[in-house]
Amino acid sequence: MNTEFMQALNELVRDRGIDKDVLLETIEQALTSAYKKNFGSAQNVRIDMNRETGDIKVYSQRVVVDESDLYDNFLEIELSEAREINPNYELGDIIEHEVTPRDFGRIAAQTAKQIVVQKIREAEREMTYNEFLEKQDELVTGEISRTSARDGKQIVFVQIGKGEGVLLQSEQIKNEDYRIGSNMKFYVLEVNRTNKNPQILLSRTNAGLVKRLFEIEVPEIQEGIVQIKSISREAGSRTKMAVRSMDDNIDPIGACVGTQGARVRNIVDELGDEKIDIVKYSDDPATFIEAALSPSKVTKVFVDEANKSAIVIVPDYQLSLAIGKEGQNARLAARLTNWKIDIKSESEFGPEEEDALLDQIESNRLAAEEEAKRLAEEAEIRAQEEAARLAVQEVEAESDETEDLEAEVEASEVQEEVEVSDETKLADQEEEIEE
């Protein structure tokens, strides 16, 4: 290796963001292994690489030991022999001797090249991983590069900048055409570090895709004036989205729809004509549930807060619309509101049914209150028991401290008595001696 190699190495370090010291240390370690492999050495060796010129030298290493402890001449040297080299050597010192082979430069160059290539790949993988980790739960635009089939399931691969995303069949919209070369928007589900390139899992079915598309299309959402409260989706078919406005002068539904429906149409086009119902969110469960069942009309909503369920009454001619094809409208409304919804027609829900339902709702409410009261009482009892237990522990700890203190005092008094006794004996002895 030479100065030109080191200059090229420095450029790579700057361009790729690789730590130079780590890179050179890795090269030196690899060269140590290469030396032992190519020259069959059983010695401990150290590779020294000049950081400026790239010149490489190989040094054998031996530890200075006592004559009686000598075990391996390749790894150790007797103290007396070491002092013939330098009288200042002591036990445990390491003696180095240059053993650089003539043709080691060629091996070193090949090894260094391999290490550099490896480090560049690792750096690129790490940069790609970090780049897409920041994009998790966000939208990306990618080009479909290839498809494959595994176990009868289609997998779509998407080129996204320097990374490649994977769209599993479970995250694909049914009947959507994923043609090679076409560009689409995708929701980044997950980014995983692997031994090779990072695994970027994409989705076209996740509700987050709809949310991010509206954030792009609707400035009021970007600015926080309009909030998306919840989304329920059956990808490729229908989506319901609840929104609310933080400004009384701004209609949240109108803002999302846009002038002549331009904003929502852009999103529908991106999703392959998927229907989107935008409803107004309300803190009142009955009002919110009624809105969620749009476009059907609702006569009454009976809310059972204890069980978080609701009975919804609709006109007879609206029953099929409220339920939806294969129950889709009711199902999406239930997911949107997070309430269990039971839909009935006016003809099957008369005054008697209403009275019975109201009685049941009241009974459930009272039972829920009793259960909440019971749980609160149990929690209070447990808290009192815990407080009492801690108080007992504190008293016991104080008692132990008192006993320890008393023991220390007693020991001190005994020691003082012993010392006094010793002093008395010593004084008596001195008096006897004087006599």
Protein backbone atom coordinates (compact mmCIF):
# COMPACT_ATOMS: atom_id res chain seq x y z
CA MET A 1 0.00 0.00 0.00
CA ASN A 2 1.11 3.58 -0.59
CA THR A 3 0.25 7.24 -0.17
CA GLU A 4 -2.24 7.13 -3.08
CA PHE A 5 -4.14 4.34 -1.31
CA MET A 6 -4.33 6.35 1.91
CA GLN A 7 -5.58 9.40 0.02
CA ALA A 8 -8.30 7.31 -1.59
CA LEU A 9 -9.11 5.89 1.84
CA ASN A 10 -9.45 9.39 3.29
CA GLU A 11 -11.85 10.35 0.51
CA LEU A 12 -14.00 7.31 1.22
CA VAL A 13 -14.03 8.16 4.91
CA ARG A 14 -15.28 11.65 4.15
CA ASP A 15 -17.85 10.56 1.55
CA ARG A 16 -19.26 7.54 3.42
CA GLY A 17 -19.06 8.81 6.96
CA ILE A 18 -16.90 5.87 8.08
CA ASP A 19 -14.80 6.23 11.24
CA LYS A 20 -11.19 6.22 9.98
CA ASP A 21 -9.66 4.82 13.18
CA VAL A 22 -12.17 1.97 13.27
CA LEU A 23 -11.48 1.23 9.60
CA LEU A 24 -7.69 1.16 10.04
CA GLU A 25 -7.95 -0.98 13.19
CA THR A 26 -10.13 -3.44 11.27
CA ILE A 27 -7.58 -3.54 8.44
CA GLU A 28 -4.76 -4.18 10.92
CA GLN A 29 -6.69 -7.03 12.55
CA ALA A 30 -7.39 -8.56 9.14
CA LEU A 31 -3.71 -8.23 8.18
CA THR A 32 -2.73 -10.05 11.38
CA SER A 33 -4.94 -12.96 10.39
CA ALA A 34 -3.64 -12.83 6.79
CA TYR A 35 -0.02 -12.96 7.98
CA LYS A 36 -0.61 -16.00 10.18
CA LYS A 37 -2.57 -17.74 7.43
CA ASN A 38 -0.11 -17.08 4.60
CA PHE A 39 3.13 -17.52 6.51
CA GLY A 40 2.08 -20.24 8.93
CA SER A 41 3.23 -18.29 11.95
CA ALA A 42 2.42 -19.37 15.48
CA GLN A 43 3.81 -16.14 16.86
CA ASN A 44 1.92 -13.26 18.35
CA VAL A 45 2.31 -10.45 15.87
CA ARG A 46 1.40 -6.78 15.70
CA ILE A 47 0.66 -4.95 12.47
CA ASP A 48 1.70 -1.34 12.34
CA MET A 49 0.26 0.77 9.54
CA ASN A 50 1.55 4.27 8.94
CA ARG A 51 -1.53 6.54 8.91
CA GLU A 52 0.07 8.88 6.37
CA THR A 53 2.05 6.72 3.93
CA GLY A 54 0.24 3.41 4.26
CA ASP A 55 3.52 1.58 4.88
CA ILE A 56 3.05 -1.65 6.80
CA LYS A 57 5.40 -3.42 9.17
CA VAL A 58 4.94 -6.70 11.00
CA TYR A 59 6.37 -7.23 14.47
CA SER A 60 6.61 -10.50 16.36
CA GLN A 61 5.84 -10.24 20.07
CA ARG A 62 7.28 -12.26 22.96
CA VAL A 63 6.63 -11.86 26.69
CA VAL A 64 9.58 -11.74 29.09
CA VAL A 65 9.28 -14.59 31.62
CA ASP A 66 11.36 -16.21 34.31
CA GLU A 67 13.57 -19.11 33.18
CA SER A 68 11.50 -21.59 35.15
CA ASP A 69 8.25 -20.39 33.56
CA LEU A 70 9.34 -20.65 29.93
CA TYR A 71 6.79 -22.71 27.98
CA ASP A 72 6.77 -21.55 24.33
CA ASN A 73 9.78 -20.01 22.58
CA PHE A 74 7.53 -18.46 19.94
CA LEU A 75 5.51 -16.56 22.52
CA GLU A 76 7.96 -16.11 25.41
CA ILE A 77 11.60 -15.20 26.07
CA GLU A 78 13.76 -15.78 29.16
CA LEU A 79 14.63 -12.75 31.25
CA SER A 80 18.37 -13.37 30.88
CA GLU A 81 18.11 -13.55 27.08
CA ALA A 82 15.95 -10.45 27.02
CA ARG A 83 18.51 -8.51 29.04
CA GLU A 84 21.16 -9.41 26.49
CA ILE A 85 19.08 -7.36 24.07
CA ASN A 86 18.37 -4.61 26.55
CA PRO A 87 19.39 -4.69 30.23
CA ASN A 88 16.32 -2.64 31.17
CA TYR A 89 13.82 -5.39 30.36
CA GLU A 90 11.72 -6.70 33.26
CA LEU A 91 9.37 -9.65 33.75
CA GLY A 92 6.12 -9.13 31.87
CA ASP A 93 7.60 -6.76 29.26
CA ILE A 94 6.87 -7.40 25.59
CA ILE A 95 9.76 -7.59 23.14
CA GLU A 96 9.05 -6.84 19.49
CA HIS A 97 11.08 -7.85 16.46
CA GLU A 98 10.29 -6.85 12.89
CA VAL A 99 9.41 -9.83 10.69
CA THR A 100 7.82 -8.12 7.69
CA PRO A 101 7.92 -10.51 4.69
CA ARG A 102 9.13 -9.18 1.34
CA ASP A 103 5.92 -9.84 -0.54
CA PHE A 104 3.58 -8.93 2.29
CA GLY A 105 2.64 -5.66 0.57
CA ARG A 106 0.65 -7.48 -2.13
CA ILE A 107 -1.29 -9.50 0.47
CA ALA A 108 -1.85 -6.38 2.53
CA ALA A 109 -3.25 -4.48 -0.45
CA GLN A 110 -5.71 -7.27 -1.30
CA THR A 111 -6.82 -7.62 2.31
CA ALA A 112 -7.24 -3.89 2.79
CA LYS A 113 -9.31 -3.66 -0.38
CA GLN A 114 -11.66 -6.39 0.87
CA ILE A 115 -12.04 -4.69 4.24
CA VAL A 116 -12.74 -1.31 2.67
CA VAL A 117 -15.40 -2.79 0.38
CA GLN A 118 -16.99 -4.56 3.36
CA LYS A 119 -16.99 -1.41 5.49
CA ILE A 120 -18.49 0.63 2.67
CA ARG A 121 -21.33 -1.87 2.37
CA GLU A 122 -21.89 -1.87 6.11
CA ALA A 123 -21.92 1.93 6.19
CA GLU A 124 -24.40 2.09 3.33
CA ARG A 125 -26.66 -0.43 5.05
CA GLU A 126 -26.55 1.53 8.30
CA MET A 127 -27.28 4.81 6.50
CA THR A 128 -30.20 3.21 4.66
CA TYR A 129 -31.53 1.72 7.89
CA ASN A 130 -31.37 5.04 9.74
CA GLU A 131 -32.92 6.87 6.80
CA PHE A 132 -35.96 4.60 6.66
CA LEU A 133 -36.25 4.23 10.41
CA GLU A 134 -37.07 7.94 10.45
CA LYS A 135 -39.75 7.28 7.83
CA GLN A 136 -41.53 4.57 9.83
CA ASP A 137 -45.27 5.37 10.06
CA GLU A 138 -44.82 7.83 7.20
CA LEU A 139 -45.56 7.82 3.46
CA VAL A 140 -43.00 7.05 0.79
CA THR A 141 -43.27 7.01 -2.98
CA GLY A 142 -41.66 4.06 -4.68
CA GLU A 143 -41.39 2.28 -8.01
CA ILE A 144 -42.42 -1.34 -8.27
CA SER A 145 -39.27 -3.16 -9.35
CA ARG A 146 -40.26 -6.83 -9.30
CA THR A 147 -42.72 -9.38 -7.99
CA SER A 148 -42.39 -12.95 -6.82
CA ALA A 149 -44.58 -15.71 -5.48
CA ARG A 150 -43.91 -17.67 -2.27
CA ASP A 151 -46.25 -20.37 -1.05
CA GLY A 152 -48.84 -19.18 -3.52
CA LYS A 153 -48.73 -15.59 -2.23
CA GLN A 154 -47.58 -12.60 -4.24
CA ILE A 155 -44.77 -10.44 -2.87
CA VAL A 156 -44.14 -7.02 -4.41
CA PHE A 157 -40.71 -5.37 -4.20
CA VAL A 158 -40.56 -1.59 -4.33
CA GLN A 159 -37.52 0.57 -5.05
CA ILE A 160 -37.45 3.54 -2.68
CA GLY A 161 -34.34 5.62 -3.18
CA LYS A 162 -31.39 3.44 -2.12
CA GLY A 163 -33.63 1.02 -0.27
CA GLU A 164 -35.96 -1.75 -1.35
CA GLY A 165 -39.33 -2.14 0.33
CA VAL A 166 -41.40 -5.30 0.61
CA LEU A 167 -45.17 -5.34 0.15
CA LEU A 168 -46.53 -8.63 1.47
CA GLN A 169 -49.81 -9.96 0.14
CA SER A 170 -51.52 -9.24 3.47
CA GLU A 171 -50.71 -5.56 2.97
CA GLN A 172 -51.87 -5.41 -0.66
CA ILE A 173 -55.24 -4.03 -1.75
CA LYS A 174 -57.28 -6.80 -3.30
CA ASN A 175 -57.41 -6.62 -7.08
CA GLU A 176 -54.98 -3.68 -7.18
CA ASP A 177 -52.61 -3.86 -10.15
CA TYR A 178 -48.95 -3.79 -9.13
CA ARG A 179 -47.29 -3.38 -12.49
CA ILE A 180 -43.51 -3.27 -12.71
CA GLY A 181 -42.36 0.30 -13.31
CA SER A 182 -45.47 1.94 -11.84
CA ASN A 183 -45.15 4.48 -9.02
CA MET A 184 -47.29 4.39 -5.89
CA LYS A 185 -47.45 5.76 -2.39
CA PHE A 186 -46.87 3.35 0.46
CA TYR A 187 -47.14 3.43 4.23
CA VAL A 188 -43.95 2.34 6.02
CA LEU A 189 -45.07 -0.25 8.55
CA GLU A 190 -41.78 -1.41 9.99
CA VAL A 191 -38.03 -1.16 9.44
CA ASN A 192 -35.83 -4.03 10.65
CA ARG A 193 -32.05 -4.35 10.77
CA THR A 194 -30.73 -7.53 9.07
CA ASN A 195 -27.34 -9.03 8.18
CA LYS A 196 -27.75 -7.62 4.69
CA ASN A 197 -29.88 -4.68 3.63
CA PRO A 198 -32.53 -3.36 6.06
CA GLN A 199 -35.96 -4.92 5.71
CA ILE A 200 -38.56 -2.23 4.91
CA LEU A 201 -42.12 -3.51 5.29
CA LEU A 202 -44.72 -1.49 3.37
CA SER A 203 -48.51 -1.37 3.35
CA ARG A 204 -51.31 -0.26 1.08
CA THR A 205 -54.05 -1.44 3.44
CA ASN A 206 -53.11 0.23 6.72
CA ALA A 207 -55.39 3.04 7.96
CA GLY A 208 -52.25 5.12 8.44
CA LEU A 209 -52.00 5.41 4.64
CA VAL A 210 -55.33 7.23 4.50
CA LYS A 211 -54.39 9.45 7.42
CA ARG A 212 -51.07 10.51 5.85
CA LEU A 213 -52.73 11.16 2.47
CA PHE A 214 -55.22 13.54 4.09
CA GLU A 215 -52.41 15.25 5.98
CA ILE A 216 -50.74 15.93 2.62
CA GLU A 217 -53.90 17.10 0.85
CA VAL A 218 -55.54 19.15 3.61
CA PRO A 219 -53.58 22.18 4.90
CA GLU A 220 -55.97 22.53 7.85
CA ILE A 221 -54.90 19.09 9.08
CA GLN A 222 -51.22 19.98 8.67
CA GLU A 223 -51.78 23.13 10.70
CA GLY A 224 -53.69 21.30 13.44
CA ILE A 225 -56.93 23.21 12.85
CA VAL A 226 -58.67 19.99 11.82
CA GLN A 227 -57.92 16.77 13.70
CA ILE A 228 -58.41 13.20 12.54
CA LYS A 229 -59.87 11.43 15.57
CA SER A 230 -60.24 7.90 14.21
CA ILE A 231 -60.22 5.87 11.01
CA SER A 232 -61.74 2.48 10.17
CA ARG A 233 -60.92 0.90 6.86
CA GLU A 234 -61.57 -2.07 4.66
CA ALA A 235 -58.91 -1.45 2.05
CA GLY A 236 -60.02 -1.27 -1.55
CA SER A 237 -63.66 -0.97 -0.59
CA ARG A 238 -64.53 1.66 2.01
CA THR A 239 -63.08 3.90 4.69
CA LYS A 240 -64.75 5.91 7.43
CA MET A 241 -62.92 8.82 9.00
CA ALA A 242 -63.99 10.97 11.96
CA VAL A 243 -62.74 14.56 12.10
CA ARG A 244 -63.21 17.55 14.36
CA SER A 245 -62.37 21.23 14.03
CA MET A 246 -60.51 23.26 16.63
CA ASP A 247 -61.94 26.42 15.02
CA ASP A 248 -65.71 26.96 15.10
CA ASN A 249 -65.45 28.87 11.83
CA ILE A 250 -63.91 25.90 9.99
CA ASP A 251 -66.10 23.02 8.78
CA PRO A 252 -63.91 19.90 9.23
CA ILE A 253 -65.79 17.84 6.66
CA GLY A 254 -65.74 20.65 4.09
CA ALA A 255 -62.01 21.18 4.64
CA CYS A 256 -61.31 17.48 3.97
CA VAL A 257 -63.60 17.28 0.95
CA GLY A 258 -62.27 20.47 -0.63
CA THR A 259 -63.78 22.68 -3.32
CA GLN A 260 -66.03 20.53 -5.50
CA GLY A 261 -64.55 17.49 -3.77
CA ALA A 262 -61.07 18.05 -5.23
CA ARG A 263 -59.10 17.07 -2.11
CA VAL A 264 -60.90 13.85 -1.34
CA ARG A 265 -60.98 12.93 -5.04
CA ASN A 266 -57.17 12.97 -5.17
CA ILE A 267 -57.07 10.51 -2.30
CA VAL A 268 -59.79 8.31 -3.80
CA ASP A 269 -57.81 8.18 -7.05
CA GLU A 270 -54.65 7.17 -5.17
CA LEU A 271 -56.59 4.37 -3.45
CA GLY A 272 -58.18 3.02 -6.62
CA ASP A 273 -61.69 4.49 -6.18
CA GLU A 274 -62.01 3.38 -2.57
CA LYS A 275 -65.10 5.03 -1.04
CA ILE A 276 -64.41 7.44 1.82
CA ASP A 277 -67.03 8.59 4.34
CA ILE A 278 -65.99 11.64 6.34
CA VAL A 279 -68.06 12.22 9.48
CA LYS A 280 -67.98 14.77 12.26
CA TYR A 281 -66.61 13.59 15.57
CA SER A 282 -68.53 14.26 18.78
CA ASP A 283 -67.74 13.65 22.44
CA ASP A 284 -71.39 12.60 22.82
CA PRO A 285 -71.51 8.86 22.03
CA ALA A 286 -75.07 8.93 20.64
CA THR A 287 -74.30 11.84 18.28
CA PHE A 288 -71.03 10.24 17.16
CA ILE A 289 -72.64 6.85 16.53
CA GLU A 290 -75.42 8.46 14.49
CA ALA A 291 -72.82 10.27 12.36
CA ALA A 292 -70.73 7.12 11.98
CA LEU A 293 -73.66 5.27 10.38
CA SER A 294 -73.80 7.83 7.57
CA PRO A 295 -75.17 7.86 4.91
CA SER A 296 -78.15 6.16 6.58
CA LYS A 297 -80.69 8.16 8.59
CA VAL A 298 -81.08 7.37 12.29
CA THR A 299 -84.26 7.76 14.36
CA LYS A 300 -82.93 7.09 17.87
CA VAL A 301 -79.77 5.95 19.60
CA PHE A 302 -79.91 4.22 22.98
CA VAL A 303 -76.54 4.21 24.68
CA ASP A 304 -75.52 1.67 27.32
CA GLU A 305 -72.33 3.25 28.67
CA ALA A 306 -71.85 0.46 31.21
CA ASN A 307 -71.29 -2.05 28.41
CA LYS A 308 -70.18 0.48 25.80
CA SER A 309 -72.91 -0.72 23.47
CA ALA A 310 -75.71 1.03 21.62
CA ILE A 311 -79.06 0.14 20.08
CA VAL A 312 -79.70 2.22 16.95
CA ILE A 313 -83.20 2.59 15.54
CA VAL A 314 -83.55 3.42 11.85
CA PRO A 315 -86.53 3.76 9.51
CA ASP A 316 -87.49 0.48 7.88
CA TYR A 317 -86.42 1.69 4.45
CA GLN A 318 -83.01 2.66 5.82
CA LEU A 319 -82.21 -0.65 7.52
CA SER A 320 -80.27 -2.23 4.65
CA LEU A 321 -78.38 1.03 4.07
CA ALA A 322 -77.48 1.31 7.76
CA ILE A 323 -76.22 -2.25 7.90
CA GLY A 324 -74.54 -2.04 4.51
CA LYS A 325 -73.52 -4.73 2.08
CA GLU A 326 -72.50 -7.80 4.07
CA GLY A 327 -72.72 -5.66 7.21
CA GLN A 328 -69.87 -3.37 6.13
CA ASN A 329 -71.40 -0.01 7.12
CA ALA A 330 -72.31 -1.19 10.61
CA ARG A 331 -68.96 -2.93 11.02
CA LEU A 332 -66.94 0.15 10.03
CA ALA A 333 -69.09 2.40 12.25
CA ALA A 334 -68.45 0.11 15.24
CA ARG A 335 -64.69 0.22 14.63
CA LEU A 336 -64.75 3.98 14.10
CA THR A 337 -66.56 4.69 17.37
CA ASN A 338 -65.14 1.72 19.32
CA TRP A 339 -68.70 0.92 20.40
CA LYS A 340 -70.75 -2.22 19.90
CA ILE A 341 -73.65 -1.25 17.65
CA ASP A 342 -76.92 -3.16 17.19
CA ILE A 343 -79.21 -1.80 14.45
CA LYS A 344 -82.98 -2.31 14.50
CA SER A 345 -85.83 -1.03 12.33
CA GLU A 346 -88.70 1.04 13.69
CA SER A 347 -91.17 -1.75 12.97
CA GLU A 348 -89.35 -4.25 15.18
CA PHE A 349 -88.75 -1.79 17.99
CA GLY A 350 -92.00 -0.57 19.53
CA PRO A 351 -92.79 1.17 22.84
CA GLU A 352 -92.61 -2.10 24.81
CA GLU A 353 -89.15 -2.90 23.47
CA GLU A 354 -88.05 0.63 24.20
CA ASP A 355 -89.25 0.47 27.82
CA ALA A 356 -87.57 -2.88 28.32
CA LEU A 357 -84.34 -1.57 26.81
CA LEU A 358 -84.36 1.55 28.99
CA ASP A 359 -84.93 -0.62 32.07
CA GLN A 360 -82.04 -2.86 31.05
CA ILE A 361 -79.75 0.12 30.43
CA GLU A 362 -80.63 1.55 33.85
CA SER A 363 -80.04 -1.84 35.47
CA ASN A 364 -76.64 -2.12 33.75
CA ARG A 365 -75.77 1.40 34.90
CA LEU A 366 -76.61 0.63 38.53
CA ALA A 367 -74.71 -2.66 38.37
CA ALA A 368 -71.69 -0.87 36.91
CA GLU A 369 -71.84 1.75 39.66
CA GLU A 370 -72.04 -0.97 42.31
CA GLU A 371 -69.09 -2.79 40.74
CA ALA A 372 -67.08 0.43 40.58
CA LYS A 373 -67.95 1.15 44.22
CA ARG A 374 -66.92 -2.37 45.25
CA LEU A 375 -63.63 -2.12 43.42
CA ALA A 376 -62.96 1.30 44.95
CA GLU A 377 -63.64 -0.07 48.45
CA GLU A 378 -61.35 -3.04 47.82
CA ALA A 379 -58.65 -0.72 46.56
CA GLU A 380 -59.03 1.47 49.65
CA ILE A 381 -58.82 -1.58 51.93
CA ARG A 382 -55.68 -2.77 50.16
CA ALA A 383 -54.20 0.71 50.47
CA GLN A 384 -54.96 0.78 54.19
CA GLU A 385 -53.46 -2.68 54.67
CA GLU A 386 -50.34 -1.66 52.78
CA ALA A 387 -50.06 1.52 54.85
CA ALA A 388 -50.44 -0.51 58.05
CA ARG A 389 -47.83 -3.01 56.90
CA LEU A 390 -45.37 -0.20 56.10
CA ALA A 391 -46.09 1.40 59.50
CA VAL A 392 -45.32 -1.89 61.28
CA GLN A 393 -42.10 -2.23 59.29
CA GLU A 394 -41.13 1.33 60.25
CA VAL A 395 -41.82 0.66 63.93
CA GLU A 396 -39.82 -2.58 63.80
CA ALA A 397 -36.97 -0.78 62.10
CA GLU A 398 -36.99 1.94 64.77
CA SER A 399 -37.08 -0.76 67.46
CA ASP A 400 -34.10 -2.51 65.87
CA GLU A 401 -32.23 0.78 65.73
CA THR A 402 -33.01 1.41 69.42
CA GLU A 403 -31.80 -2.06 70.37
CA ASP A 404 -28.63 -1.59 68.34
CA LEU A 405 -28.03 1.76 70.03
CA GLU A 406 -28.61 0.28 73.48
CA ALA A 407 -26.22 -2.54 72.65
CA GLU A 408 -23.62 -0.03 71.53
CA VAL A 409 -24.06 1.95 74.78
CA GLU A 410 -23.75 -1.22 76.87
CA ALA A 411 -20.65 -2.26 74.98
CA SER A 412 -19.18 1.17 75.45
CA GLU A 413 -19.92 1.12 79.18
CA VAL A 414 -18.39 -2.34 79.51
CA GLN A 415 -15.31 -1.16 77.64
CA GLU A 416 -15.04 1.85 79.93
CA GLU A 417 -15.32 -0.39 82.98
CA VAL A 418 -12.62 -2.65 81.61
CA GLU A 419 -10.37 0.29 80.93
CA VAL A 420 -10.99 1.69 84.41
CA SER A 421 -10.30 -1.72 85.92
CA ASP A 422 -7.08 -2.00 83.97
CA GLU A 423 -6.03 1.42 85.06
CA THR A 424 -6.79 0.57 88.71
CA LYS A 425 -4.78 -2.65 88.49
CA LEU A 426 -1.91 -0.77 86.88
CA ALA A 427 -1.97 1.86 89.63
CA ASP A 428 -1.99 -0.84 92.33
CA GLN A 429 0.96 -2.54 90.68
CA GLU A 430 2.86 0.71 90.52
CA GLU A 431 2.19 1.32 94.24
CA GLU A 432 3.44 -2.17 95.11
CA ILE A 433 6.59 -1.57 93.12
CA GLU A 434 7.21 1.74 94.89
CA GLU A 435 6.76 0.08 98.28
